[in-house]
Amino acid sequence: MKKIIKIEGMSCGHCQAKVEKVLNALDGVEAKVDLKKKAATVNLHSEVSDTILRDVVTEAGYEVVSIEEKKGLFGK
């Protein structure tokens, strides 16, 4: 499953790296942060709740605006 996390408060490469680090520290999570889009693309290889994703980003000092499941072609 892939999710997109919209994040406010990131302003530099250090911010980007910090958010990637806290998300990738979670078991079953592979994250890549796009600083320009203010978003993290998260591939979940195991069940991780939105609450946990939100909490680790918030604890790192950033604001989660939204978390959406990314649908592939044909809504899959």
PDB file of N, CA and C in Angstrom:
ATOM      1  N   MET A   1       0.838  -1.171   0.000  1.00  0.00           N
ATOM      2  CA  MET A   1       0.000   0.000   0.000  1.00  0.00           C
ATOM      3  C   MET A   1       0.886   1.238   0.000  1.00  0.00           C
ATOM      4  N   LYS A   2       0.449   2.240  -0.722  1.00  0.00           N
ATOM      5  CA  LYS A   2       1.197   3.489  -0.806  1.00  0.00           C
ATOM      6  C   LYS A   2       0.331   4.616  -0.271  1.00  0.00           C
ATOM      7  N   LYS A   3       0.948   5.491   0.543  1.00  0.00           N
ATOM      8  CA  LYS A   3       0.238   6.649   1.083  1.00  0.00           C
ATOM      9  C   LYS A   3       1.047   7.906   0.823  1.00  0.00           C
ATOM     10  N   ILE A   4       0.320   9.014   0.713  1.00  0.00           N
ATOM     11  CA  ILE A   4       0.941  10.330   0.555  1.00  0.00           C
ATOM     12  C   ILE A   4       0.631  11.131   1.816  1.00  0.00           C
ATOM     13  N   ILE A   5       1.686  11.606   2.478  1.00  0.00           N
ATOM     14  CA  ILE A   5       1.526  12.414   3.681  1.00  0.00           C
ATOM     15  C   ILE A   5       1.914  13.844   3.328  1.00  0.00           C
ATOM     16  N   LYS A   6       0.957  14.764   3.426  1.00  0.00           N
ATOM     17  CA  LYS A   6       1.228  16.189   3.202  1.00  0.00           C
ATOM     18  C   LYS A   6       1.741  16.768   4.518  1.00  0.00           C
ATOM     19  N   ILE A   7       2.882  17.471   4.450  1.00  0.00           N
ATOM     20  CA  ILE A   7       3.568  17.937   5.656  1.00  0.00           C
ATOM     21  C   ILE A   7       3.925  19.410   5.525  1.00  0.00           C
ATOM     22  N   GLU A   8       3.617  20.179   6.558  1.00  0.00           N
ATOM     23  CA  GLU A   8       4.003  21.593   6.625  1.00  0.00           C
ATOM     24  C   GLU A   8       5.162  21.752   7.598  1.00  0.00           C
ATOM     25  N   GLY A   9       5.989  22.765   7.351  1.00  0.00           N
ATOM     26  CA  GLY A   9       7.075  23.094   8.270  1.00  0.00           C
ATOM     27  C   GLY A   9       8.455  22.691   7.790  1.00  0.00           C
ATOM     28  N   MET A  10       8.530  21.937   6.686  1.00  0.00           N
ATOM     29  CA  MET A  10       9.835  21.555   6.137  1.00  0.00           C
ATOM     30  C   MET A  10      10.325  22.682   5.237  1.00  0.00           C
ATOM     31  N   SER A  11      11.580  23.105   5.447  1.00  0.00           N
ATOM     32  CA  SER A  11      12.081  24.229   4.656  1.00  0.00           C
ATOM     33  C   SER A  11      13.449  23.986   4.026  1.00  0.00           C
ATOM     34  N   CYS A  12      14.087  22.844   4.343  1.00  0.00           N
ATOM     35  CA  CYS A  12      15.440  22.619   3.823  1.00  0.00           C
ATOM     36  C   CYS A  12      15.727  21.123   3.730  1.00  0.00           C
ATOM     37  N   GLY A  13      16.890  20.824   3.215  1.00  0.00           N
ATOM     38  CA  GLY A  13      17.311  19.435   3.076  1.00  0.00           C
ATOM     39  C   GLY A  13      17.408  18.709   4.401  1.00  0.00           C
ATOM     40  N   HIS A  14      17.782  19.441   5.454  1.00  0.00           N
ATOM     41  CA  HIS A  14      17.865  18.830   6.785  1.00  0.00           C
ATOM     42  C   HIS A  14      16.475  18.379   7.238  1.00  0.00           C
ATOM     43  N   CYS A  15      15.472  19.217   7.021  1.00  0.00           N
ATOM     44  CA  CYS A  15      14.088  18.874   7.371  1.00  0.00           C
ATOM     45  C   CYS A  15      13.646  17.626   6.603  1.00  0.00           C
ATOM     46  N   GLN A  16      13.943  17.609   5.327  1.00  0.00           N
ATOM     47  CA  GLN A  16      13.590  16.487   4.472  1.00  0.00           C
ATOM     48  C   GLN A  16      14.220  15.204   5.001  1.00  0.00           C
ATOM     49  N   ALA A  17      15.509  15.254   5.317  1.00  0.00           N
ATOM     50  CA  ALA A  17      16.227  14.082   5.808  1.00  0.00           C
ATOM     51  C   ALA A  17      15.680  13.617   7.159  1.00  0.00           C
ATOM     52  N   LYS A  18      15.325  14.567   8.010  1.00  0.00           N
ATOM     53  CA  LYS A  18      14.808  14.226   9.338  1.00  0.00           C
ATOM     54  C   LYS A  18      13.479  13.479   9.226  1.00  0.00           C
ATOM     55  N   VAL A  19      12.579  13.963   8.371  1.00  0.00           N
ATOM     56  CA  VAL A  19      11.282  13.307   8.202  1.00  0.00           C
ATOM     57  C   VAL A  19      11.471  11.922   7.588  1.00  0.00           C
ATOM     58  N   GLU A  20      12.327  11.809   6.582  1.00  0.00           N
ATOM     59  CA  GLU A  20      12.604  10.496   5.993  1.00  0.00           C
ATOM     60  C   GLU A  20      13.147   9.540   7.039  1.00  0.00           C
ATOM     61  N   LYS A  21      14.048  10.021   7.882  1.00  0.00           N
ATOM     62  CA  LYS A  21      14.675   9.175   8.901  1.00  0.00           C
ATOM     63  C   LYS A  21      13.647   8.631   9.890  1.00  0.00           C
ATOM     64  N   VAL A  22      12.751   9.496  10.396  1.00  0.00           N
ATOM     65  CA  VAL A  22      11.785   9.025  11.396  1.00  0.00           C
ATOM     66  C   VAL A  22      10.761   8.076  10.778  1.00  0.00           C
ATOM     67  N   LEU A  23      10.362   8.334   9.531  1.00  0.00           N
ATOM     68  CA  LEU A  23       9.409   7.431   8.881  1.00  0.00           C
ATOM     69  C   LEU A  23      10.065   6.088   8.546  1.00  0.00           C
ATOM     70  N   ASN A  24      11.287   6.124   8.009  1.00  0.00           N
ATOM     71  CA  ASN A  24      11.976   4.888   7.636  1.00  0.00           C
ATOM     72  C   ASN A  24      12.390   4.062   8.845  1.00  0.00           C
ATOM     73  N   ALA A  25      12.400   4.658  10.024  1.00  0.00           N
ATOM     74  CA  ALA A  25      12.725   3.924  11.257  1.00  0.00           C
ATOM     75  C   ALA A  25      11.585   2.997  11.678  1.00  0.00           C
ATOM     76  N   LEU A  26      10.391   3.228  11.142  1.00  0.00           N
ATOM     77  CA  LEU A  26       9.246   2.370  11.460  1.00  0.00           C
ATOM     78  C   LEU A  26       9.356   1.061  10.690  1.00  0.00           C
ATOM     79  N   ASP A  27       9.031  -0.050  11.350  1.00  0.00           N
ATOM     80  CA  ASP A  27       9.046  -1.357  10.687  1.00  0.00           C
ATOM     81  C   ASP A  27       8.041  -1.383   9.548  1.00  0.00           C
ATOM     82  N   GLY A  28       8.484  -1.838   8.396  1.00  0.00           N
ATOM     83  CA  GLY A  28       7.592  -1.994   7.255  1.00  0.00           C
ATOM     84  C   GLY A  28       7.317  -0.717   6.480  1.00  0.00           C
ATOM     85  N   VAL A  29       8.102   0.346   6.752  1.00  0.00           N
ATOM     86  CA  VAL A  29       7.878   1.630   6.082  1.00  0.00           C
ATOM     87  C   VAL A  29       9.092   1.991   5.235  1.00  0.00           C
ATOM     88  N   GLU A  30       8.817   2.387   3.998  1.00  0.00           N
ATOM     89  CA  GLU A  30       9.836   2.906   3.093  1.00  0.00           C
ATOM     90  C   GLU A  30       9.323   4.263   2.610  1.00  0.00           C
ATOM     91  N   ALA A  31      10.013   5.336   3.014  1.00  0.00           N
ATOM     92  CA  ALA A  31       9.512   6.687   2.730  1.00  0.00           C
ATOM     93  C   ALA A  31      10.514   7.501   1.931  1.00  0.00           C
ATOM     94  N   LYS A  32       9.965   8.363   1.075  1.00  0.00           N
ATOM     95  CA  LYS A  32      10.755   9.326   0.306  1.00  0.00           C
ATOM     96  C   LYS A  32      10.033  10.661   0.403  1.00  0.00           C
ATOM     97  N   VAL A  33      10.759  11.703   0.817  1.00  0.00           N
ATOM     98  CA  VAL A  33      10.163  13.020   1.003  1.00  0.00           C
ATOM     99  C   VAL A  33      10.520  13.923  -0.169  1.00  0.00           C
ATOM    100  N   ASP A  34       9.514  14.611  -0.698  1.00  0.00           N
ATOM    101  CA  ASP A  34       9.697  15.603  -1.745  1.00  0.00           C
ATOM    102  C   ASP A  34       9.497  16.972  -1.108  1.00  0.00           C
ATOM    103  N   LEU A  35      10.593  17.690  -0.929  1.00  0.00           N
ATOM    104  CA  LEU A  35      10.555  18.978  -0.237  1.00  0.00           C
ATOM    105  C   LEU A  35       9.701  20.000  -0.990  1.00  0.00           C
ATOM    106  N   LYS A  36       9.805  20.037  -2.321  1.00  0.00           N
ATOM    107  CA  LYS A  36       9.040  21.004  -3.119  1.00  0.00           C
ATOM    108  C   LYS A  36       7.536  20.765  -3.013  1.00  0.00           C
ATOM    109  N   LYS A  37       7.128  19.501  -2.978  1.00  0.00           N
ATOM    110  CA  LYS A  37       5.705  19.168  -2.887  1.00  0.00           C
ATOM    111  C   LYS A  37       5.215  19.160  -1.436  1.00  0.00           C
ATOM    112  N   LYS A  38       6.154  19.280  -0.490  1.00  0.00           N
ATOM    113  CA  LYS A  38       5.822  19.216   0.946  1.00  0.00           C
ATOM    114  C   LYS A  38       5.056  17.938   1.249  1.00  0.00           C
ATOM    115  N   ALA A  39       5.602  16.819   0.747  1.00  0.00           N
ATOM    116  CA  ALA A  39       4.905  15.546   0.909  1.00  0.00           C
ATOM    117  C   ALA A  39       5.892  14.386   1.017  1.00  0.00           C
ATOM    118  N   ALA A  40       5.460  13.359   1.735  1.00  0.00           N
ATOM    119  CA  ALA A  40       6.215  12.113   1.814  1.00  0.00           C
ATOM    120  C   ALA A  40       5.401  11.026   1.126  1.00  0.00           C
ATOM    121  N   THR A  41       6.056  10.273   0.254  1.00  0.00           N
ATOM    122  CA  THR A  41       5.442   9.101  -0.346  1.00  0.00           C
ATOM    123  C   THR A  41       5.900   7.914   0.481  1.00  0.00           C
ATOM    124  N   VAL A  42       4.948   7.175   1.024  1.00  0.00           N
ATOM    125  CA  VAL A  42       5.255   6.100   1.954  1.00  0.00           C
ATOM    126  C   VAL A  42       4.754   4.779   1.385  1.00  0.00           C
ATOM    127  N   ASN A  43       5.667   3.822   1.220  1.00  0.00           N
ATOM    128  CA  ASN A  43       5.303   2.465   0.830  1.00  0.00           C
ATOM    129  C   ASN A  43       5.240   1.638   2.106  1.00  0.00           C
ATOM    130  N   LEU A  44       4.081   1.033   2.342  1.00  0.00           N
ATOM    131  CA  LEU A  44       3.891   0.229   3.550  1.00  0.00           C
ATOM    132  C   LEU A  44       3.995  -1.250   3.185  1.00  0.00           C
ATOM    133  N   HIS A  45       4.966  -1.924   3.809  1.00  0.00           N
ATOM    134  CA  HIS A  45       5.159  -3.355   3.573  1.00  0.00           C
ATOM    135  C   HIS A  45       4.499  -4.182   4.664  1.00  0.00           C
ATOM    136  N   SER A  46       3.976  -3.492   5.684  1.00  0.00           N
ATOM    137  CA  SER A  46       3.186  -4.122   6.740  1.00  0.00           C
ATOM    138  C   SER A  46       2.174  -3.087   7.224  1.00  0.00           C
ATOM    139  N   GLU A  47       1.264  -3.497   8.082  1.00  0.00           N
ATOM    140  CA  GLU A  47       0.197  -2.610   8.559  1.00  0.00           C
ATOM    141  C   GLU A  47       0.766  -1.567   9.522  1.00  0.00           C
ATOM    142  N   VAL A  48       0.657  -0.301   9.142  1.00  0.00           N
ATOM    143  CA  VAL A  48       1.063   0.819   9.990  1.00  0.00           C
ATOM    144  C   VAL A  48      -0.082   1.829   9.950  1.00  0.00           C
ATOM    145  N   SER A  49      -0.590   2.189  11.118  1.00  0.00           N
ATOM    146  CA  SER A  49      -1.757   3.078  11.160  1.00  0.00           C
ATOM    147  C   SER A  49      -1.373   4.518  10.817  1.00  0.00           C
ATOM    148  N   ASP A  50      -2.371   5.263  10.347  1.00  0.00           N
ATOM    149  CA  ASP A  50      -2.178   6.683  10.065  1.00  0.00           C
ATOM    150  C   ASP A  50      -1.785   7.430  11.338  1.00  0.00           C
ATOM    151  N   THR A  51      -2.305   6.995  12.465  1.00  0.00           N
ATOM    152  CA  THR A  51      -1.981   7.636  13.745  1.00  0.00           C
ATOM    153  C   THR A  51      -0.487   7.542  14.039  1.00  0.00           C
ATOM    154  N   ILE A  52       0.098   6.387  13.802  1.00  0.00           N
ATOM    155  CA  ILE A  52       1.533   6.208  14.037  1.00  0.00           C
ATOM    156  C   ILE A  52       2.336   7.078  13.079  1.00  0.00           C
ATOM    157  N   LEU A  53       1.953   7.095  11.804  1.00  0.00           N
ATOM    158  CA  LEU A  53       2.649   7.931  10.820  1.00  0.00           C
ATOM    159  C   LEU A  53       2.575   9.399  11.230  1.00  0.00           C
ATOM    160  N   ARG A  54       1.381   9.842  11.621  1.00  0.00           N
ATOM    161  CA  ARG A  54       1.174  11.236  12.041  1.00  0.00           C
ATOM    162  C   ARG A  54       2.013  11.548  13.290  1.00  0.00           C
ATOM    163  N   ASP A  55       2.015  10.633  14.246  1.00  0.00           N
ATOM    164  CA  ASP A  55       2.723  10.867  15.509  1.00  0.00           C
ATOM    165  C   ASP A  55       4.230  11.032  15.323  1.00  0.00           C
ATOM    166  N   VAL A  56       4.856  10.184  14.497  1.00  0.00           N
ATOM    167  CA  VAL A  56       6.315  10.294  14.344  1.00  0.00           C
ATOM    168  C   VAL A  56       6.708  11.580  13.626  1.00  0.00           C
ATOM    169  N   VAL A  57       5.907  12.008  12.657  1.00  0.00           N
ATOM    170  CA  VAL A  57       6.198  13.264  11.953  1.00  0.00           C
ATOM    171  C   VAL A  57       5.992  14.448  12.893  1.00  0.00           C
ATOM    172  N   THR A  58       4.920  14.408  13.678  1.00  0.00           N
ATOM    173  CA  THR A  58       4.637  15.475  14.637  1.00  0.00           C
ATOM    174  C   THR A  58       5.720  15.559  15.702  1.00  0.00           C
ATOM    175  N   GLU A  59       6.153  14.406  16.211  1.00  0.00           N
ATOM    176  CA  GLU A  59       7.218  14.372  17.221  1.00  0.00           C
ATOM    177  C   GLU A  59       8.536  14.915  16.673  1.00  0.00           C
ATOM    178  N   ALA A  60       8.726  14.808  15.355  1.00  0.00           N
ATOM    179  CA  ALA A  60       9.936  15.343  14.726  1.00  0.00           C
ATOM    180  C   ALA A  60       9.863  16.861  14.555  1.00  0.00           C
ATOM    181  N   GLY A  61       8.674  17.447  14.822  1.00  0.00           N
ATOM    182  CA  GLY A  61       8.536  18.892  14.782  1.00  0.00           C
ATOM    183  C   GLY A  61       7.820  19.461  13.572  1.00  0.00           C
ATOM    184  N   TYR A  62       7.094  18.610  12.857  1.00  0.00           N
ATOM    185  CA  TYR A  62       6.412  19.052  11.642  1.00  0.00           C
ATOM    186  C   TYR A  62       4.909  18.781  11.748  1.00  0.00           C
ATOM    187  N   GLU A  63       4.129  19.462  10.908  1.00  0.00           N
ATOM    188  CA  GLU A  63       2.673  19.339  10.953  1.00  0.00           C
ATOM    189  C   GLU A  63       2.174  18.483   9.792  1.00  0.00           C
ATOM    190  N   VAL A  64       1.439  17.430  10.124  1.00  0.00           N
ATOM    191  CA  VAL A  64       0.814  16.604   9.100  1.00  0.00           C
ATOM    192  C   VAL A  64      -0.514  17.250   8.725  1.00  0.00           C
ATOM    193  N   VAL A  65      -0.642  17.602   7.444  1.00  0.00           N
ATOM    194  CA  VAL A  65      -1.856  18.234   6.945  1.00  0.00           C
ATOM    195  C   VAL A  65      -2.876  17.169   6.537  1.00  0.00           C
ATOM    196  N   SER A  66      -2.398  16.118   5.882  1.00  0.00           N
ATOM    197  CA  SER A  66      -3.302  15.042   5.456  1.00  0.00           C
ATOM    198  C   SER A  66      -2.514  13.775   5.171  1.00  0.00           C
ATOM    199  N   ILE A  67      -3.223  12.661   5.223  1.00  0.00           N
ATOM    200  CA  ILE A  67      -2.668  11.362   4.832  1.00  0.00           C
ATOM    201  C   ILE A  67      -3.708  10.722   3.920  1.00  0.00           C
ATOM    202  N   GLU A  68      -3.281  10.408   2.705  1.00  0.00           N
ATOM    203  CA  GLU A  68      -4.196   9.825   1.724  1.00  0.00           C
ATOM    204  C   GLU A  68      -3.594   8.558   1.145  1.00  0.00           C
ATOM    205  N   GLU A  69      -4.455   7.584   0.913  1.00  0.00           N
ATOM    206  CA  GLU A  69      -4.010   6.378   0.232  1.00  0.00           C
ATOM    207  C   GLU A  69      -3.866   6.697  -1.241  1.00  0.00           C
ATOM    208  N   LYS A  70      -2.723   6.333  -1.812  1.00  0.00           N
ATOM    209  CA  LYS A  70      -2.512   6.577  -3.240  1.00  0.00           C
ATOM    210  C   LYS A  70      -3.026   5.401  -4.016  1.00  0.00           C
ATOM    211  N   LYS A  71      -3.959   5.680  -4.905  1.00  0.00           N
ATOM    212  CA  LYS A  71      -4.553   4.634  -5.745  1.00  0.00           C
ATOM    213  C   LYS A  71      -3.764   4.526  -7.034  1.00  0.00           C
ATOM    214  N   GLY A  72      -3.609   3.301  -7.507  1.00  0.00           N
ATOM    215  CA  GLY A  72      -2.948   3.068  -8.780  1.00  0.00           C
ATOM    216  C   GLY A  72      -3.948   3.186  -9.913  1.00  0.00           C
ATOM    217  N   LEU A  73      -3.616   2.650 -11.036  1.00  0.00           N
ATOM    218  CA  LEU A  73      -4.519   2.674 -12.174  1.00  0.00           C
ATOM    219  C   LEU A  73      -5.810   1.927 -11.846  1.00  0.00           C
ATOM    220  N   PHE A  74      -6.887   2.425 -12.309  1.00  0.00           N
ATOM    221  CA  PHE A  74      -8.200   1.803 -12.151  1.00  0.00           C
ATOM    222  C   PHE A  74      -8.634   1.699 -10.690  1.00  0.00           C
ATOM    223  N   GLY A  75      -8.095   2.586  -9.830  1.00  0.00           N
ATOM    224  CA  GLY A  75      -8.519   2.623  -8.434  1.00  0.00           C
ATOM    225  C   GLY A  75      -7.957   1.524  -7.564  1.00  0.00           C
ATOM    226  N   LYS A  76      -6.927   0.830  -8.035  1.00  0.00           N
ATOM    227  CA  LYS A  76      -6.335  -0.279  -7.269  1.00  0.00           C
ATOM    228  C   LYS A  76      -5.143   0.200  -6.490  1.00  0.00           C
TER     229      LYS A  76
END
